[in-house]
Amino acid sequence: DSEVVISTPLFPNVTVDALFPALRPKPQILHNVTIRDMKIVPSNSGNQMVASGTIFARVVLPKGIHVGLNVTRVLPDVLVFDGPVPDGHANNLEHVDGGEPDLPPAPPLPDPLPERAFAHIRPDEWLNASSVRVDADADTGTVVEVLSKITDVPLDVLPGRDREFRNFV
């Protein structure tokens, strides 16, 4: 739920505090988050692996919510899987306090780690992004496709997942 203040120019000194209810259950608006054309190479220093590619995501708002969306930057914080994400692991990260003032806090890794997850990617800064509105079904609200290039972002192999990483590469 969000607190809002309602005012009107007809009565400039009058405001009304109200509560705007959140949707329940919380909708999943990110769909099909994928890194396309992913390349993994050693960093220039040679002591870490870095990833490059294109992040693709589809933002689908709930039915009846038709608003303009212009995504200009993203902060991917993703687990990398070899294959599709297992059911139940698409959106289970929770945020914790800390981190750079302009960046949201980094969520902890899930425990236990999901099957086929072998690495974690989170850049140190926001990445530029572009977005394009696409036709939506009658069962959804606004739908936007978001693209962002990642270049030489650190790829941290998850603990105990070296074999899965080698199989992926």
C-alpha atoms as a PDB file:
ATOM      1  CA  ASP A   1       0.000   0.000   0.000  1.00  0.00           C
ATOM      2  CA  SER A   2       1.178   3.547  -0.732  1.00  0.00           C
ATOM      3  CA  GLU A   3       0.320   6.811   0.940  1.00  0.00           C
ATOM      4  CA  VAL A   4      -0.822   9.527  -1.495  1.00  0.00           C
ATOM      5  CA  VAL A   5      -1.793  13.164  -1.094  1.00  0.00           C
ATOM      6  CA  ILE A   6      -4.738  14.418  -3.125  1.00  0.00           C
ATOM      7  CA  SER A   7      -5.080  18.118  -3.982  1.00  0.00           C
ATOM      8  CA  THR A   8      -6.843  20.322  -6.509  1.00  0.00           C
ATOM      9  CA  PRO A   9      -6.155  23.807  -7.870  1.00  0.00           C
ATOM     10  CA  LEU A  10      -9.777  24.716  -7.019  1.00  0.00           C
ATOM     11  CA  PHE A  11      -8.881  24.602  -3.308  1.00  0.00           C
ATOM     12  CA  PRO A  12      -5.112  25.139  -3.160  1.00  0.00           C
ATOM     13  CA  ASN A  13      -4.896  25.007   0.652  1.00  0.00           C
ATOM     14  CA  VAL A  14      -6.801  21.740   0.990  1.00  0.00           C
ATOM     15  CA  THR A  15      -5.111  18.344   0.791  1.00  0.00           C
ATOM     16  CA  VAL A  16      -6.417  14.907   1.635  1.00  0.00           C
ATOM     17  CA  ASP A  17      -4.189  12.049   2.749  1.00  0.00           C
ATOM     18  CA  ALA A  18      -5.259   8.675   1.406  1.00  0.00           C
ATOM     19  CA  LEU A  19      -4.002   5.135   1.133  1.00  0.00           C
ATOM     20  CA  PHE A  20      -3.671   3.625  -2.354  1.00  0.00           C
ATOM     21  CA  PRO A  21      -4.068  -0.145  -1.951  1.00  0.00           C
ATOM     22  CA  ALA A  22      -1.528  -2.502  -3.496  1.00  0.00           C
ATOM     23  CA  LEU A  23      -2.631  -5.421  -5.634  1.00  0.00           C
ATOM     24  CA  ARG A  24      -2.998  -8.682  -3.753  1.00  0.00           C
ATOM     25  CA  PRO A  25      -1.497 -11.079  -4.463  1.00  0.00           C
ATOM     26  CA  LYS A  26       1.567  -9.147  -5.570  1.00  0.00           C
ATOM     27  CA  PRO A  27       1.693  -9.417  -9.386  1.00  0.00           C
ATOM     28  CA  GLN A  28       4.711 -10.776 -11.223  1.00  0.00           C
ATOM     29  CA  ILE A  29       5.447  -8.118 -13.838  1.00  0.00           C
ATOM     30  CA  LEU A  30       8.822  -9.347 -15.136  1.00  0.00           C
ATOM     31  CA  HIS A  31       8.504 -12.124 -17.705  1.00  0.00           C
ATOM     32  CA  ASN A  32      11.071 -13.940 -19.851  1.00  0.00           C
ATOM     33  CA  VAL A  33      14.197 -12.323 -18.413  1.00  0.00           C
ATOM     34  CA  THR A  34      16.996 -13.709 -20.585  1.00  0.00           C
ATOM     35  CA  ILE A  35      20.619 -12.945 -21.427  1.00  0.00           C
ATOM     36  CA  ARG A  36      21.032 -13.420 -25.167  1.00  0.00           C
ATOM     37  CA  ASP A  37      24.299 -13.896 -27.051  1.00  0.00           C
ATOM     38  CA  MET A  38      26.112 -14.368 -23.747  1.00  0.00           C
ATOM     39  CA  LYS A  39      29.884 -14.566 -23.869  1.00  0.00           C
ATOM     40  CA  ILE A  40      32.013 -15.492 -20.877  1.00  0.00           C
ATOM     41  CA  VAL A  41      35.733 -14.694 -20.932  1.00  0.00           C
ATOM     42  CA  PRO A  42      38.513 -14.142 -18.377  1.00  0.00           C
ATOM     43  CA  SER A  43      38.832 -10.538 -17.192  1.00  0.00           C
ATOM     44  CA  ASN A  44      41.814  -8.427 -18.275  1.00  0.00           C
ATOM     45  CA  SER A  45      43.526  -9.257 -15.000  1.00  0.00           C
ATOM     46  CA  GLY A  46      42.770 -12.959 -15.578  1.00  0.00           C
ATOM     47  CA  ASN A  47      41.606 -13.623 -12.016  1.00  0.00           C
ATOM     48  CA  GLN A  48      37.852 -13.462 -12.652  1.00  0.00           C
ATOM     49  CA  MET A  49      35.346 -14.330 -15.359  1.00  0.00           C
ATOM     50  CA  VAL A  50      33.259 -11.570 -16.972  1.00  0.00           C
ATOM     51  CA  ALA A  51      30.080 -11.795 -19.023  1.00  0.00           C
ATOM     52  CA  SER A  52      28.812  -9.799 -21.980  1.00  0.00           C
ATOM     53  CA  GLY A  53      25.547 -10.037 -23.875  1.00  0.00           C
ATOM     54  CA  THR A  54      22.108  -8.500 -24.198  1.00  0.00           C
ATOM     55  CA  ILE A  55      19.556  -8.581 -21.409  1.00  0.00           C
ATOM     56  CA  PHE A  56      16.004  -9.022 -22.642  1.00  0.00           C
ATOM     57  CA  ALA A  57      12.974  -8.674 -20.385  1.00  0.00           C
ATOM     58  CA  ARG A  58       9.254  -8.383 -20.937  1.00  0.00           C
ATOM     59  CA  VAL A  59       7.354  -6.165 -18.479  1.00  0.00           C
ATOM     60  CA  VAL A  60       3.676  -7.113 -18.275  1.00  0.00           C
ATOM     61  CA  LEU A  61       1.405  -4.966 -16.120  1.00  0.00           C
ATOM     62  CA  PRO A  62      -1.789  -6.454 -14.660  1.00  0.00           C
ATOM     63  CA  LYS A  63      -5.064  -6.290 -16.563  1.00  0.00           C
ATOM     64  CA  GLY A  64      -6.577  -2.821 -16.546  1.00  0.00           C
ATOM     65  CA  ILE A  65      -3.318  -0.971 -15.812  1.00  0.00           C
ATOM     66  CA  HIS A  66      -2.440   0.938 -18.978  1.00  0.00           C
ATOM     67  CA  VAL A  67       0.316   3.452 -18.300  1.00  0.00           C
ATOM     68  CA  GLY A  68       3.310   4.637 -20.273  1.00  0.00           C
ATOM     69  CA  LEU A  69       6.564   2.955 -19.316  1.00  0.00           C
ATOM     70  CA  ASN A  70       9.957   4.197 -20.448  1.00  0.00           C
ATOM     71  CA  VAL A  71      12.733   2.064 -18.967  1.00  0.00           C
ATOM     72  CA  THR A  72      16.036   3.911 -19.349  1.00  0.00           C
ATOM     73  CA  ARG A  73      18.280   1.964 -16.986  1.00  0.00           C
ATOM     74  CA  VAL A  74      18.376  -1.427 -15.309  1.00  0.00           C
ATOM     75  CA  LEU A  75      20.339  -3.128 -12.571  1.00  0.00           C
ATOM     76  CA  PRO A  76      20.378  -6.838 -13.339  1.00  0.00           C
ATOM     77  CA  ASP A  77      20.854  -8.961 -10.252  1.00  0.00           C
ATOM     78  CA  VAL A  78      20.409 -12.440 -11.594  1.00  0.00           C
ATOM     79  CA  LEU A  79      21.259 -16.049 -11.073  1.00  0.00           C
ATOM     80  CA  VAL A  80      22.470 -17.668 -14.282  1.00  0.00           C
ATOM     81  CA  PHE A  81      20.982 -21.082 -15.074  1.00  0.00           C
ATOM     82  CA  ASP A  82      21.964 -23.692 -17.606  1.00  0.00           C
ATOM     83  CA  GLY A  83      18.499 -24.128 -19.118  1.00  0.00           C
ATOM     84  CA  PRO A  84      15.113 -22.918 -17.952  1.00  0.00           C
ATOM     85  CA  VAL A  85      14.580 -21.629 -14.432  1.00  0.00           C
ATOM     86  CA  PRO A  86      12.963 -24.323 -12.261  1.00  0.00           C
ATOM     87  CA  ASP A  87       9.432 -23.621 -11.031  1.00  0.00           C
ATOM     88  CA  GLY A  88       9.339 -21.652  -7.804  1.00  0.00           C
ATOM     89  CA  HIS A  89      12.662 -19.872  -8.347  1.00  0.00           C
ATOM     90  CA  ALA A  90      11.629 -17.130 -10.766  1.00  0.00           C
ATOM     91  CA  ASN A  91      11.151 -14.409  -8.177  1.00  0.00           C
ATOM     92  CA  ASN A  92      12.344 -15.480  -4.742  1.00  0.00           C
ATOM     93  CA  LEU A  93      15.085 -12.977  -3.920  1.00  0.00           C
ATOM     94  CA  GLU A  94      14.517 -10.546  -1.053  1.00  0.00           C
ATOM     95  CA  HIS A  95      16.346  -7.254  -0.561  1.00  0.00           C
ATOM     96  CA  VAL A  96      18.630  -6.526   2.383  1.00  0.00           C
ATOM     97  CA  ASP A  97      20.104  -3.251   3.631  1.00  0.00           C
ATOM     98  CA  GLY A  98      23.472  -1.917   2.479  1.00  0.00           C
ATOM     99  CA  GLY A  99      25.185  -1.067  -0.771  1.00  0.00           C
ATOM    100  CA  GLU A 100      25.833   1.992  -2.901  1.00  0.00           C
ATOM    101  CA  PRO A 101      23.479   4.969  -2.185  1.00  0.00           C
ATOM    102  CA  ASP A 102      22.193   5.073  -5.780  1.00  0.00           C
ATOM    103  CA  LEU A 103      21.849   1.284  -6.006  1.00  0.00           C
ATOM    104  CA  PRO A 104      19.190  -0.809  -4.299  1.00  0.00           C
ATOM    105  CA  PRO A 105      20.515  -3.201  -1.689  1.00  0.00           C
ATOM    106  CA  ALA A 106      21.802  -6.541  -2.924  1.00  0.00           C
ATOM    107  CA  PRO A 107      19.567  -9.484  -2.060  1.00  0.00           C
ATOM    108  CA  PRO A 108      21.142 -12.553  -0.481  1.00  0.00           C
ATOM    109  CA  LEU A 109      21.555 -15.678  -2.573  1.00  0.00           C
ATOM    110  CA  PRO A 110      18.782 -18.238  -2.071  1.00  0.00           C
ATOM    111  CA  ASP A 111      19.533 -21.054   0.335  1.00  0.00           C
ATOM    112  CA  PRO A 112      19.563 -23.769  -0.863  1.00  0.00           C
ATOM    113  CA  LEU A 113      20.765 -22.793  -4.335  1.00  0.00           C
ATOM    114  CA  PRO A 114      18.356 -23.836  -7.102  1.00  0.00           C
ATOM    115  CA  GLU A 115      19.218 -26.711  -9.441  1.00  0.00           C
ATOM    116  CA  ARG A 116      21.158 -25.772 -12.595  1.00  0.00           C
ATOM    117  CA  ALA A 117      22.057 -22.304 -11.183  1.00  0.00           C
ATOM    118  CA  PHE A 118      25.798 -21.858 -11.569  1.00  0.00           C
ATOM    119  CA  ALA A 119      26.613 -18.130 -11.422  1.00  0.00           C
ATOM    120  CA  HIS A 120      25.499 -14.718 -10.193  1.00  0.00           C
ATOM    121  CA  ILE A 121      25.671 -11.424 -12.099  1.00  0.00           C
ATOM    122  CA  ARG A 122      25.277  -7.978 -10.564  1.00  0.00           C
ATOM    123  CA  PRO A 123      27.050  -4.957 -12.089  1.00  0.00           C
ATOM    124  CA  ASP A 124      28.482  -2.207  -9.898  1.00  0.00           C
ATOM    125  CA  GLU A 125      26.348   0.444 -11.608  1.00  0.00           C
ATOM    126  CA  TRP A 126      23.073   0.963 -13.455  1.00  0.00           C
ATOM    127  CA  LEU A 127      23.134  -0.047 -17.124  1.00  0.00           C
ATOM    128  CA  ASN A 128      21.534   1.970 -19.919  1.00  0.00           C
ATOM    129  CA  ALA A 129      18.402   0.379 -21.346  1.00  0.00           C
ATOM    130  CA  SER A 130      15.820   0.968 -24.027  1.00  0.00           C
ATOM    131  CA  SER A 131      12.195  -0.049 -24.042  1.00  0.00           C
ATOM    132  CA  VAL A 132       9.509  -0.528 -26.664  1.00  0.00           C
ATOM    133  CA  ARG A 133       5.797  -0.867 -26.044  1.00  0.00           C
ATOM    134  CA  VAL A 134       4.307  -3.946 -27.728  1.00  0.00           C
ATOM    135  CA  ASP A 135       0.779  -5.115 -28.376  1.00  0.00           C
ATOM    136  CA  ALA A 136      -0.878  -6.590 -25.311  1.00  0.00           C
ATOM    137  CA  ASP A 137      -3.440  -9.337 -24.860  1.00  0.00           C
ATOM    138  CA  ALA A 138      -6.895  -8.519 -23.537  1.00  0.00           C
ATOM    139  CA  ASP A 139      -5.859 -10.264 -20.294  1.00  0.00           C
ATOM    140  CA  THR A 140      -2.999  -7.833 -19.532  1.00  0.00           C
ATOM    141  CA  GLY A 141      -2.245  -4.180 -19.115  1.00  0.00           C
ATOM    142  CA  THR A 142       0.679  -2.390 -20.733  1.00  0.00           C
ATOM    143  CA  VAL A 143       3.424  -4.653 -22.142  1.00  0.00           C
ATOM    144  CA  VAL A 144       6.964  -3.342 -22.724  1.00  0.00           C
ATOM    145  CA  GLU A 145      10.078  -5.126 -23.984  1.00  0.00           C
ATOM    146  CA  VAL A 146      13.331  -3.937 -22.407  1.00  0.00           C
ATOM    147  CA  LEU A 147      16.843  -4.378 -23.854  1.00  0.00           C
ATOM    148  CA  SER A 148      20.168  -3.590 -22.208  1.00  0.00           C
ATOM    149  CA  LYS A 149      23.733  -4.451 -23.166  1.00  0.00           C
ATOM    150  CA  ILE A 150      26.062  -5.855 -20.540  1.00  0.00           C
ATOM    151  CA  THR A 151      29.777  -5.660 -21.177  1.00  0.00           C
ATOM    152  CA  ASP A 152      32.428  -7.299 -19.012  1.00  0.00           C
ATOM    153  CA  VAL A 153      30.220  -7.611 -15.926  1.00  0.00           C
ATOM    154  CA  PRO A 154      31.743  -9.837 -13.214  1.00  0.00           C
ATOM    155  CA  LEU A 155      30.343 -13.366 -13.267  1.00  0.00           C
ATOM    156  CA  ASP A 156      30.645 -14.988  -9.852  1.00  0.00           C
ATOM    157  CA  VAL A 157      30.529 -18.778  -9.956  1.00  0.00           C
ATOM    158  CA  LEU A 158      28.286 -19.991  -7.120  1.00  0.00           C
ATOM    159  CA  PRO A 159      29.837 -22.025  -4.298  1.00  0.00           C
ATOM    160  CA  GLY A 160      30.119 -25.690  -5.258  1.00  0.00           C
ATOM    161  CA  ARG A 161      28.908 -25.079  -8.836  1.00  0.00           C
ATOM    162  CA  ASP A 162      32.225 -25.192 -10.720  1.00  0.00           C
ATOM    163  CA  ARG A 163      31.200 -28.368 -12.580  1.00  0.00           C
ATOM    164  CA  GLU A 164      27.900 -26.808 -13.729  1.00  0.00           C
ATOM    165  CA  PHE A 165      29.818 -23.721 -14.901  1.00  0.00           C
ATOM    166  CA  ARG A 166      32.310 -25.824 -16.887  1.00  0.00           C
ATOM    167  CA  ASN A 167      29.436 -27.791 -18.462  1.00  0.00           C
ATOM    168  CA  PHE A 168      27.736 -24.549 -19.496  1.00  0.00           C
ATOM    169  CA  VAL A 169      30.886 -23.055 -21.033  1.00  0.00           C
END
